[in-house]
Amino acid sequence: MSIKELKVNYKKLLNKADKANGRKETISYLNKAAKIKSKIHLKTKTNCIKCNGVGYLRTSLEEASTCLHCYGKGFLIVEIQKF
């Protein structure tokens, strides 16, 4: 599935969860939506250019500082822009 299809399915599941009758039904929709959100997250993240996915920059042998480009996560979320 493409990212666009995943986002559409994610929004549909959240709408279904909002309109659901019972607690179990709501939770099942939210769990399905969480799985789809994790797939979207995996497809849109790329390694940080400055730290190569490590999350910190070596300043010397004794010191390391947090990469401020990715805020220590090691990856960046790329938003797909429509032209």
N, C-alpha and C. Protein backbone atom coordinates (compact mmCIF):
# COMPACT_ATOMS: atom_id res chain seq x y z
N MET A 1 0.83 -1.17 0.00
CA MET A 1 0.00 0.00 0.00
C MET A 1 0.88 1.25 0.00
N SER A 2 0.42 2.27 -0.66
CA SER A 2 1.16 3.52 -0.68
C SER A 2 0.83 4.32 0.58
N ILE A 3 1.60 5.34 0.81
CA ILE A 3 1.41 6.17 1.99
C ILE A 3 0.05 6.86 1.95
N LYS A 4 -0.35 7.27 0.74
CA LYS A 4 -1.64 7.95 0.60
C LYS A 4 -2.79 7.02 0.99
N GLU A 5 -2.74 5.77 0.54
CA GLU A 5 -3.78 4.79 0.90
C GLU A 5 -3.78 4.51 2.40
N LEU A 6 -2.58 4.43 2.99
CA LEU A 6 -2.49 4.19 4.43
C LEU A 6 -3.11 5.33 5.22
N LYS A 7 -2.86 6.58 4.78
CA LYS A 7 -3.43 7.73 5.48
C LYS A 7 -4.95 7.75 5.37
N VAL A 8 -5.47 7.37 4.20
CA VAL A 8 -6.93 7.32 4.01
C VAL A 8 -7.54 6.26 4.93
N ASN A 9 -6.93 5.08 4.96
CA ASN A 9 -7.43 4.01 5.84
C ASN A 9 -7.34 4.42 7.31
N TYR A 10 -6.28 5.13 7.68
CA TYR A 10 -6.10 5.58 9.05
C TYR A 10 -7.24 6.53 9.44
N LYS A 11 -7.55 7.48 8.56
CA LYS A 11 -8.63 8.43 8.85
C LYS A 11 -9.98 7.73 8.93
N LYS A 12 -10.22 6.73 8.06
CA LYS A 12 -11.48 5.98 8.09
C LYS A 12 -11.63 5.23 9.41
N LEU A 13 -10.54 4.61 9.87
CA LEU A 13 -10.61 3.87 11.13
C LEU A 13 -10.86 4.79 12.31
N LEU A 14 -10.26 5.98 12.30
CA LEU A 14 -10.52 6.92 13.39
C LEU A 14 -11.96 7.41 13.38
N ASN A 15 -12.53 7.60 12.19
CA ASN A 15 -13.94 7.99 12.10
C ASN A 15 -14.86 6.87 12.59
N LYS A 16 -14.52 5.62 12.23
CA LYS A 16 -15.31 4.48 12.71
C LYS A 16 -15.23 4.36 14.22
N ALA A 17 -14.04 4.60 14.78
CA ALA A 17 -13.87 4.52 16.23
C ALA A 17 -14.68 5.61 16.93
N ASP A 18 -14.79 6.75 16.29
CA ASP A 18 -15.57 7.85 16.87
C ASP A 18 -17.06 7.52 16.89
N LYS A 19 -17.51 6.77 15.89
CA LYS A 19 -18.94 6.45 15.77
C LYS A 19 -19.30 5.08 16.37
N ALA A 20 -18.31 4.37 16.92
CA ALA A 20 -18.55 3.02 17.44
C ALA A 20 -19.47 3.06 18.66
N ASN A 21 -20.18 1.95 18.85
CA ASN A 21 -21.16 1.86 19.94
C ASN A 21 -20.53 1.48 21.27
N GLY A 22 -19.74 0.43 21.28
CA GLY A 22 -19.23 -0.08 22.55
C GLY A 22 -17.75 0.14 22.72
N ARG A 23 -17.29 -0.19 23.92
CA ARG A 23 -15.89 -0.01 24.26
C ARG A 23 -14.99 -0.95 23.46
N LYS A 24 -15.39 -2.24 23.35
CA LYS A 24 -14.58 -3.22 22.63
C LYS A 24 -14.45 -2.86 21.16
N GLU A 25 -15.53 -2.42 20.58
CA GLU A 25 -15.51 -2.04 19.17
C GLU A 25 -14.58 -0.83 18.95
N THR A 26 -14.66 0.14 19.84
CA THR A 26 -13.82 1.33 19.75
C THR A 26 -12.35 0.96 19.87
N ILE A 27 -12.02 0.13 20.82
CA ILE A 27 -10.63 -0.27 21.04
C ILE A 27 -10.10 -1.07 19.86
N SER A 28 -10.91 -1.91 19.25
CA SER A 28 -10.44 -2.68 18.10
C SER A 28 -10.12 -1.76 16.92
N TYR A 29 -10.94 -0.73 16.70
CA TYR A 29 -10.65 0.23 15.63
C TYR A 29 -9.39 1.03 15.93
N LEU A 30 -9.22 1.42 17.19
CA LEU A 30 -8.04 2.20 17.55
C LEU A 30 -6.76 1.38 17.45
N ASN A 31 -6.83 0.08 17.78
CA ASN A 31 -5.65 -0.79 17.63
C ASN A 31 -5.27 -0.96 16.17
N LYS A 32 -6.27 -1.12 15.30
CA LYS A 32 -5.99 -1.22 13.86
C LYS A 32 -5.38 0.07 13.33
N ALA A 33 -5.88 1.20 13.82
CA ALA A 33 -5.35 2.50 13.40
C ALA A 33 -3.90 2.68 13.88
N ALA A 34 -3.59 2.18 15.06
CA ALA A 34 -2.22 2.28 15.58
C ALA A 34 -1.25 1.47 14.73
N LYS A 35 -1.69 0.31 14.25
CA LYS A 35 -0.83 -0.50 13.37
C LYS A 35 -0.57 0.22 12.06
N ILE A 36 -1.59 0.85 11.53
CA ILE A 36 -1.41 1.59 10.27
C ILE A 36 -0.52 2.80 10.48
N LYS A 37 -0.66 3.47 11.62
CA LYS A 37 0.18 4.64 11.90
C LYS A 37 1.65 4.24 12.00
N SER A 38 1.93 3.08 12.57
CA SER A 38 3.32 2.63 12.67
C SER A 38 3.88 2.33 11.28
N LYS A 39 3.05 1.80 10.37
CA LYS A 39 3.50 1.56 9.00
C LYS A 39 3.80 2.87 8.29
N ILE A 40 2.96 3.88 8.51
CA ILE A 40 3.20 5.20 7.92
C ILE A 40 4.51 5.77 8.44
N HIS A 41 4.73 5.63 9.73
CA HIS A 41 5.94 6.15 10.35
C HIS A 41 7.18 5.47 9.80
N LEU A 42 7.13 4.15 9.61
CA LEU A 42 8.28 3.42 9.08
C LEU A 42 8.60 3.81 7.64
N LYS A 43 7.56 4.09 6.86
CA LYS A 43 7.79 4.42 5.45
C LYS A 43 8.26 5.85 5.25
N THR A 44 7.99 6.75 6.19
CA THR A 44 8.32 8.16 5.99
C THR A 44 9.57 8.60 6.73
N LYS A 45 10.20 7.74 7.52
CA LYS A 45 11.38 8.20 8.23
C LYS A 45 12.64 7.85 7.43
N THR A 46 13.62 8.78 7.49
CA THR A 46 14.91 8.59 6.84
C THR A 46 15.99 8.90 7.86
N ASN A 47 17.16 8.33 7.66
CA ASN A 47 18.27 8.58 8.58
C ASN A 47 18.70 10.03 8.51
N CYS A 48 19.16 10.55 9.63
CA CYS A 48 19.63 11.93 9.70
C CYS A 48 20.89 12.08 8.86
N ILE A 49 20.98 13.20 8.18
CA ILE A 49 22.13 13.45 7.30
C ILE A 49 23.39 13.73 8.11
N LYS A 50 23.25 14.43 9.20
CA LYS A 50 24.43 14.84 9.97
C LYS A 50 25.00 13.73 10.85
N CYS A 51 24.16 12.95 11.49
CA CYS A 51 24.68 11.94 12.42
C CYS A 51 24.55 10.51 11.89
N ASN A 52 24.00 10.32 10.70
CA ASN A 52 23.82 9.00 10.08
C ASN A 52 23.01 8.04 10.94
N GLY A 53 22.02 8.54 11.63
CA GLY A 53 21.12 7.69 12.40
C GLY A 53 21.59 7.34 13.79
N VAL A 54 22.71 7.89 14.24
CA VAL A 54 23.22 7.58 15.57
C VAL A 54 22.49 8.39 16.64
N GLY A 55 22.25 9.67 16.38
CA GLY A 55 21.56 10.51 17.34
C GLY A 55 22.46 11.46 18.09
N TYR A 56 23.76 11.27 17.98
CA TYR A 56 24.70 12.18 18.63
C TYR A 56 25.90 12.40 17.73
N LEU A 57 26.61 13.49 17.94
CA LEU A 57 27.81 13.84 17.18
C LEU A 57 29.02 13.75 18.10
N ARG A 58 30.07 13.12 17.64
CA ARG A 58 31.31 13.02 18.40
C ARG A 58 32.10 14.31 18.24
N THR A 59 32.37 15.00 19.34
CA THR A 59 33.17 16.21 19.26
C THR A 59 34.63 15.91 19.55
N SER A 60 34.89 14.94 20.40
CA SER A 60 36.25 14.46 20.68
C SER A 60 36.12 13.04 21.20
N LEU A 61 37.22 12.45 21.62
CA LEU A 61 37.17 11.08 22.12
C LEU A 61 36.39 10.98 23.43
N GLU A 62 36.41 12.04 24.24
CA GLU A 62 35.75 12.00 25.53
C GLU A 62 34.33 12.56 25.50
N GLU A 63 33.98 13.32 24.48
CA GLU A 63 32.69 14.01 24.48
C GLU A 63 31.86 13.65 23.27
N ALA A 64 30.57 13.68 23.48
CA ALA A 64 29.60 13.53 22.40
C ALA A 64 28.43 14.45 22.70
N SER A 65 27.91 15.10 21.69
CA SER A 65 26.77 15.98 21.91
C SER A 65 25.59 15.51 21.07
N THR A 66 24.40 15.83 21.52
CA THR A 66 23.19 15.44 20.83
C THR A 66 23.11 16.14 19.48
N CYS A 67 22.72 15.42 18.46
CA CYS A 67 22.53 16.00 17.13
C CYS A 67 21.30 16.89 17.17
N LEU A 68 21.47 18.18 16.88
CA LEU A 68 20.35 19.11 16.94
C LEU A 68 19.54 19.11 15.65
N HIS A 69 20.04 18.47 14.62
CA HIS A 69 19.30 18.39 13.36
C HIS A 69 18.12 17.44 13.49
N CYS A 70 18.33 16.32 14.19
CA CYS A 70 17.26 15.33 14.39
C CYS A 70 16.82 15.26 15.85
N TYR A 71 17.39 16.11 16.71
CA TYR A 71 17.07 16.16 18.14
C TYR A 71 17.33 14.84 18.86
N GLY A 72 18.37 14.14 18.45
CA GLY A 72 18.79 12.91 19.12
C GLY A 72 18.02 11.67 18.74
N LYS A 73 17.07 11.76 17.82
CA LYS A 73 16.28 10.60 17.42
C LYS A 73 17.04 9.71 16.45
N GLY A 74 17.85 10.32 15.58
CA GLY A 74 18.59 9.55 14.58
C GLY A 74 17.87 9.45 13.25
N PHE A 75 16.65 9.95 13.18
CA PHE A 75 15.91 9.91 11.92
C PHE A 75 15.08 11.17 11.76
N LEU A 76 14.68 11.44 10.55
CA LEU A 76 13.84 12.58 10.22
C LEU A 76 12.58 12.06 9.55
N ILE A 77 11.47 12.73 9.79
CA ILE A 77 10.21 12.38 9.14
C ILE A 77 10.10 13.25 7.89
N VAL A 78 9.96 12.61 6.74
CA VAL A 78 9.85 13.32 5.48
C VAL A 78 8.39 13.44 5.11
N GLU A 79 7.93 14.65 4.97
CA GLU A 79 6.54 14.88 4.53
C GLU A 79 6.51 14.92 3.01
N ILE A 80 5.61 14.20 2.43
CA ILE A 80 5.46 14.18 0.99
C ILE A 80 4.62 15.37 0.58
N GLN A 81 5.19 16.20 -0.25
CA GLN A 81 4.51 17.42 -0.64
C GLN A 81 3.84 17.24 -1.99
N LYS A 82 2.68 17.85 -2.13
CA LYS A 82 1.94 17.80 -3.39
C LYS A 82 2.32 19.00 -4.23
N PHE A 83 2.60 18.79 -5.48
CA PHE A 83 2.95 19.89 -6.37
C PHE A 83 1.83 20.21 -7.30
